[in-house]
Amino acid sequence: MSVNANYCGTVILLRKLVEGGYCTKNEATRIAALIARQTGVNIKLPIT
């Protein structure tokens, strides 16, 4: 599977975690940015 597809799944998971109150939007955004940098993703998706 491509890194972009994996990143999409990760963002969906982070959105659900924010909805459920398990992390804040700010934390989820930082996690998504870190993963994007480490994996070389070339798309950007908002957390909300």
PDB file of N, CA and C in Angstrom:
ATOM      1  N   MET A   1       0.841  -1.163   0.000  1.00  0.00           N
ATOM      2  CA  MET A   1       0.000   0.000   0.000  1.00  0.00           C
ATOM      3  C   MET A   1       0.896   1.240   0.000  1.00  0.00           C
ATOM      4  N   SER A   2       0.439   2.297  -0.629  1.00  0.00           N
ATOM      5  CA  SER A   2       1.266   3.499  -0.720  1.00  0.00           C
ATOM      6  C   SER A   2       1.266   4.275   0.603  1.00  0.00           C
ATOM      7  N   VAL A   3       2.280   5.085   0.766  1.00  0.00           N
ATOM      8  CA  VAL A   3       2.369   5.890   1.988  1.00  0.00           C
ATOM      9  C   VAL A   3       1.216   6.880   2.075  1.00  0.00           C
ATOM     10  N   ASN A   4       0.752   7.377   0.931  1.00  0.00           N
ATOM     11  CA  ASN A   4      -0.376   8.309   0.954  1.00  0.00           C
ATOM     12  C   ASN A   4      -1.648   7.629   1.451  1.00  0.00           C
ATOM     13  N   ALA A   5      -1.891   6.399   1.018  1.00  0.00           N
ATOM     14  CA  ALA A   5      -3.070   5.660   1.475  1.00  0.00           C
ATOM     15  C   ALA A   5      -2.963   5.366   2.967  1.00  0.00           C
ATOM     16  N   ASN A   6      -1.798   4.978   3.421  1.00  0.00           N
ATOM     17  CA  ASN A   6      -1.599   4.723   4.852  1.00  0.00           C
ATOM     18  C   ASN A   6      -1.808   5.998   5.666  1.00  0.00           C
ATOM     19  N   TYR A   7      -1.333   7.115   5.131  1.00  0.00           N
ATOM     20  CA  TYR A   7      -1.495   8.394   5.820  1.00  0.00           C
ATOM     21  C   TYR A   7      -2.973   8.769   5.922  1.00  0.00           C
ATOM     22  N   CYS A   8      -3.743   8.512   4.867  1.00  0.00           N
ATOM     23  CA  CYS A   8      -5.189   8.786   4.896  1.00  0.00           C
ATOM     24  C   CYS A   8      -5.845   8.003   6.034  1.00  0.00           C
ATOM     25  N   GLY A   9      -5.483   6.744   6.185  1.00  0.00           N
ATOM     26  CA  GLY A   9      -6.013   5.925   7.270  1.00  0.00           C
ATOM     27  C   GLY A   9      -5.621   6.462   8.628  1.00  0.00           C
ATOM     28  N   THR A  10      -4.406   6.930   8.739  1.00  0.00           N
ATOM     29  CA  THR A  10      -3.921   7.496   9.998  1.00  0.00           C
ATOM     30  C   THR A  10      -4.705   8.753  10.360  1.00  0.00           C
ATOM     31  N   VAL A  11      -4.955   9.602   9.373  1.00  0.00           N
ATOM     32  CA  VAL A  11      -5.709  10.836   9.627  1.00  0.00           C
ATOM     33  C   VAL A  11      -7.139  10.507  10.045  1.00  0.00           C
ATOM     34  N   ILE A  12      -7.739   9.511   9.409  1.00  0.00           N
ATOM     35  CA  ILE A  12      -9.089   9.096   9.797  1.00  0.00           C
ATOM     36  C   ILE A  12      -9.098   8.625  11.249  1.00  0.00           C
ATOM     37  N   LEU A  13      -8.110   7.836  11.623  1.00  0.00           N
ATOM     38  CA  LEU A  13      -8.000   7.367  13.003  1.00  0.00           C
ATOM     39  C   LEU A  13      -7.818   8.541  13.968  1.00  0.00           C
ATOM     40  N   LEU A  14      -6.969   9.482  13.619  1.00  0.00           N
ATOM     41  CA  LEU A  14      -6.755  10.645  14.482  1.00  0.00           C
ATOM     42  C   LEU A  14      -8.036  11.460  14.628  1.00  0.00           C
ATOM     43  N   ARG A  15      -8.807  11.592  13.558  1.00  0.00           N
ATOM     44  CA  ARG A  15     -10.090  12.306  13.636  1.00  0.00           C
ATOM     45  C   ARG A  15     -11.028  11.623  14.633  1.00  0.00           C
ATOM     46  N   LYS A  16     -11.083  10.303  14.590  1.00  0.00           N
ATOM     47  CA  LYS A  16     -11.942   9.548  15.506  1.00  0.00           C
ATOM     48  C   LYS A  16     -11.471   9.711  16.948  1.00  0.00           C
ATOM     49  N   LEU A  17     -10.170   9.738  17.152  1.00  0.00           N
ATOM     50  CA  LEU A  17      -9.639   9.945  18.502  1.00  0.00           C
ATOM     51  C   LEU A  17     -10.013  11.323  19.043  1.00  0.00           C
ATOM     52  N   VAL A  18      -9.977  12.334  18.179  1.00  0.00           N
ATOM     53  CA  VAL A  18     -10.374  13.684  18.594  1.00  0.00           C
ATOM     54  C   VAL A  18     -11.869  13.701  18.909  1.00  0.00           C
ATOM     55  N   GLU A  19     -12.687  13.091  18.044  1.00  0.00           N
ATOM     56  CA  GLU A  19     -14.133  13.027  18.279  1.00  0.00           C
ATOM     57  C   GLU A  19     -14.460  12.342  19.608  1.00  0.00           C
ATOM     58  N   GLY A  20     -13.721  11.292  19.916  1.00  0.00           N
ATOM     59  CA  GLY A  20     -13.968  10.550  21.145  1.00  0.00           C
ATOM     60  C   GLY A  20     -13.386  11.195  22.386  1.00  0.00           C
ATOM     61  N   GLY A  21     -12.628  12.267  22.213  1.00  0.00           N
ATOM     62  CA  GLY A  21     -12.058  12.972  23.352  1.00  0.00           C
ATOM     63  C   GLY A  21     -10.779  12.352  23.889  1.00  0.00           C
ATOM     64  N   TYR A  22     -10.163  11.477  23.097  1.00  0.00           N
ATOM     65  CA  TYR A  22      -8.938  10.815  23.555  1.00  0.00           C
ATOM     66  C   TYR A  22      -7.689  11.666  23.338  1.00  0.00           C
ATOM     67  N   CYS A  23      -7.779  12.641  22.450  1.00  0.00           N
ATOM     68  CA  CYS A  23      -6.687  13.597  22.274  1.00  0.00           C
ATOM     69  C   CYS A  23      -7.280  14.895  21.732  1.00  0.00           C
ATOM     70  N   THR A  24      -6.515  15.951  21.822  1.00  0.00           N
ATOM     71  CA  THR A  24      -6.996  17.239  21.339  1.00  0.00           C
ATOM     72  C   THR A  24      -6.696  17.382  19.854  1.00  0.00           C
ATOM     73  N   LYS A  25      -7.355  18.341  19.233  1.00  0.00           N
ATOM     74  CA  LYS A  25      -7.113  18.617  17.810  1.00  0.00           C
ATOM     75  C   LYS A  25      -5.648  19.027  17.600  1.00  0.00           C
ATOM     76  N   ASN A  26      -5.130  19.797  18.520  1.00  0.00           N
ATOM     77  CA  ASN A  26      -3.741  20.254  18.420  1.00  0.00           C
ATOM     78  C   ASN A  26      -2.776  19.066  18.474  1.00  0.00           C
ATOM     79  N   GLU A  27      -3.004  18.148  19.384  1.00  0.00           N
ATOM     80  CA  GLU A  27      -2.149  16.955  19.482  1.00  0.00           C
ATOM     81  C   GLU A  27      -2.231  16.120  18.204  1.00  0.00           C
ATOM     82  N   ALA A  28      -3.441  15.921  17.705  1.00  0.00           N
ATOM     83  CA  ALA A  28      -3.629  15.125  16.501  1.00  0.00           C
ATOM     84  C   ALA A  28      -2.954  15.770  15.303  1.00  0.00           C
ATOM     85  N   THR A  29      -3.015  17.084  15.211  1.00  0.00           N
ATOM     86  CA  THR A  29      -2.368  17.800  14.109  1.00  0.00           C
ATOM     87  C   THR A  29      -0.857  17.619  14.176  1.00  0.00           C
ATOM     88  N   ARG A  30      -0.305  17.698  15.365  1.00  0.00           N
ATOM     89  CA  ARG A  30       1.144  17.503  15.526  1.00  0.00           C
ATOM     90  C   ARG A  30       1.559  16.079  15.172  1.00  0.00           C
ATOM     91  N   ILE A  31       0.766  15.100  15.573  1.00  0.00           N
ATOM     92  CA  ILE A  31       1.063  13.705  15.249  1.00  0.00           C
ATOM     93  C   ILE A  31       1.028  13.504  13.745  1.00  0.00           C
ATOM     94  N   ALA A  32      -0.004  14.040  13.095  1.00  0.00           N
ATOM     95  CA  ALA A  32      -0.135  13.907  11.638  1.00  0.00           C
ATOM     96  C   ALA A  32       1.044  14.554  10.923  1.00  0.00           C
ATOM     97  N   ALA A  33       1.456  15.712  11.382  1.00  0.00           N
ATOM     98  CA  ALA A  33       2.589  16.406  10.757  1.00  0.00           C
ATOM     99  C   ALA A  33       3.881  15.609  10.924  1.00  0.00           C
ATOM    100  N   LEU A  34       4.089  15.042  12.089  1.00  0.00           N
ATOM    101  CA  LEU A  34       5.285  14.238  12.340  1.00  0.00           C
ATOM    102  C   LEU A  34       5.315  13.009  11.435  1.00  0.00           C
ATOM    103  N   ILE A  35       4.191  12.318  11.345  1.00  0.00           N
ATOM    104  CA  ILE A  35       4.116  11.130  10.489  1.00  0.00           C
ATOM    105  C   ILE A  35       4.330  11.506   9.027  1.00  0.00           C
ATOM    106  N   ALA A  36       3.749  12.616   8.597  1.00  0.00           N
ATOM    107  CA  ALA A  36       3.913  13.056   7.205  1.00  0.00           C
ATOM    108  C   ALA A  36       5.381  13.333   6.890  1.00  0.00           C
ATOM    109  N   ARG A  37       6.071  13.987   7.810  1.00  0.00           N
ATOM    110  CA  ARG A  37       7.498  14.275   7.592  1.00  0.00           C
ATOM    111  C   ARG A  37       8.339  13.012   7.558  1.00  0.00           C
ATOM    112  N   GLN A  38       8.069  12.094   8.469  1.00  0.00           N
ATOM    113  CA  GLN A  38       8.875  10.878   8.566  1.00  0.00           C
ATOM    114  C   GLN A  38       8.667   9.931   7.391  1.00  0.00           C
ATOM    115  N   THR A  39       7.464   9.923   6.813  1.00  0.00           N
ATOM    116  CA  THR A  39       7.163   8.971   5.752  1.00  0.00           C
ATOM    117  C   THR A  39       7.252   9.560   4.354  1.00  0.00           C
ATOM    118  N   GLY A  40       7.386  10.867   4.262  1.00  0.00           N
ATOM    119  CA  GLY A  40       7.505  11.509   2.943  1.00  0.00           C
ATOM    120  C   GLY A  40       6.185  11.624   2.200  1.00  0.00           C
ATOM    121  N   VAL A  41       5.118  11.824   2.915  1.00  0.00           N
ATOM    122  CA  VAL A  41       3.798  11.968   2.313  1.00  0.00           C
ATOM    123  C   VAL A  41       3.749  13.263   1.511  1.00  0.00           C
ATOM    124  N   ASN A  42       3.088  13.222   0.359  1.00  0.00           N
ATOM    125  CA  ASN A  42       2.998  14.424  -0.462  1.00  0.00           C
ATOM    126  C   ASN A  42       1.566  14.954  -0.582  1.00  0.00           C
ATOM    127  N   ILE A  43       0.705  14.577   0.378  1.00  0.00           N
ATOM    128  CA  ILE A  43      -0.648  15.137   0.450  1.00  0.00           C
ATOM    129  C   ILE A  43      -0.848  15.715   1.837  1.00  0.00           C
ATOM    130  N   LYS A  44      -1.775  16.627   1.947  1.00  0.00           N
ATOM    131  CA  LYS A  44      -2.098  17.203   3.254  1.00  0.00           C
ATOM    132  C   LYS A  44      -3.582  17.068   3.489  1.00  0.00           C
ATOM    133  N   LEU A  45      -3.939  16.532   4.637  1.00  0.00           N
ATOM    134  CA  LEU A  45      -5.336  16.378   5.012  1.00  0.00           C
ATOM    135  C   LEU A  45      -5.554  17.039   6.357  1.00  0.00           C
ATOM    136  N   PRO A  46      -6.623  17.798   6.487  1.00  0.00           N
ATOM    137  CA  PRO A  46      -6.904  18.429   7.784  1.00  0.00           C
ATOM    138  C   PRO A  46      -7.461  17.406   8.775  1.00  0.00           C
ATOM    139  N   ILE A  47      -7.234  17.631  10.041  1.00  0.00           N
ATOM    140  CA  ILE A  47      -7.759  16.748  11.076  1.00  0.00           C
ATOM    141  C   ILE A  47      -9.259  16.934  11.193  1.00  0.00           C
ATOM    142  N   THR A  48      -9.742  18.159  11.057  1.00  0.00           N
ATOM    143  CA  THR A  48     -11.197  18.361  11.125  1.00  0.00           C
ATOM    144  C   THR A  48     -11.700  18.997   9.876  1.00  0.00           C
TER     145      THR A  48
END
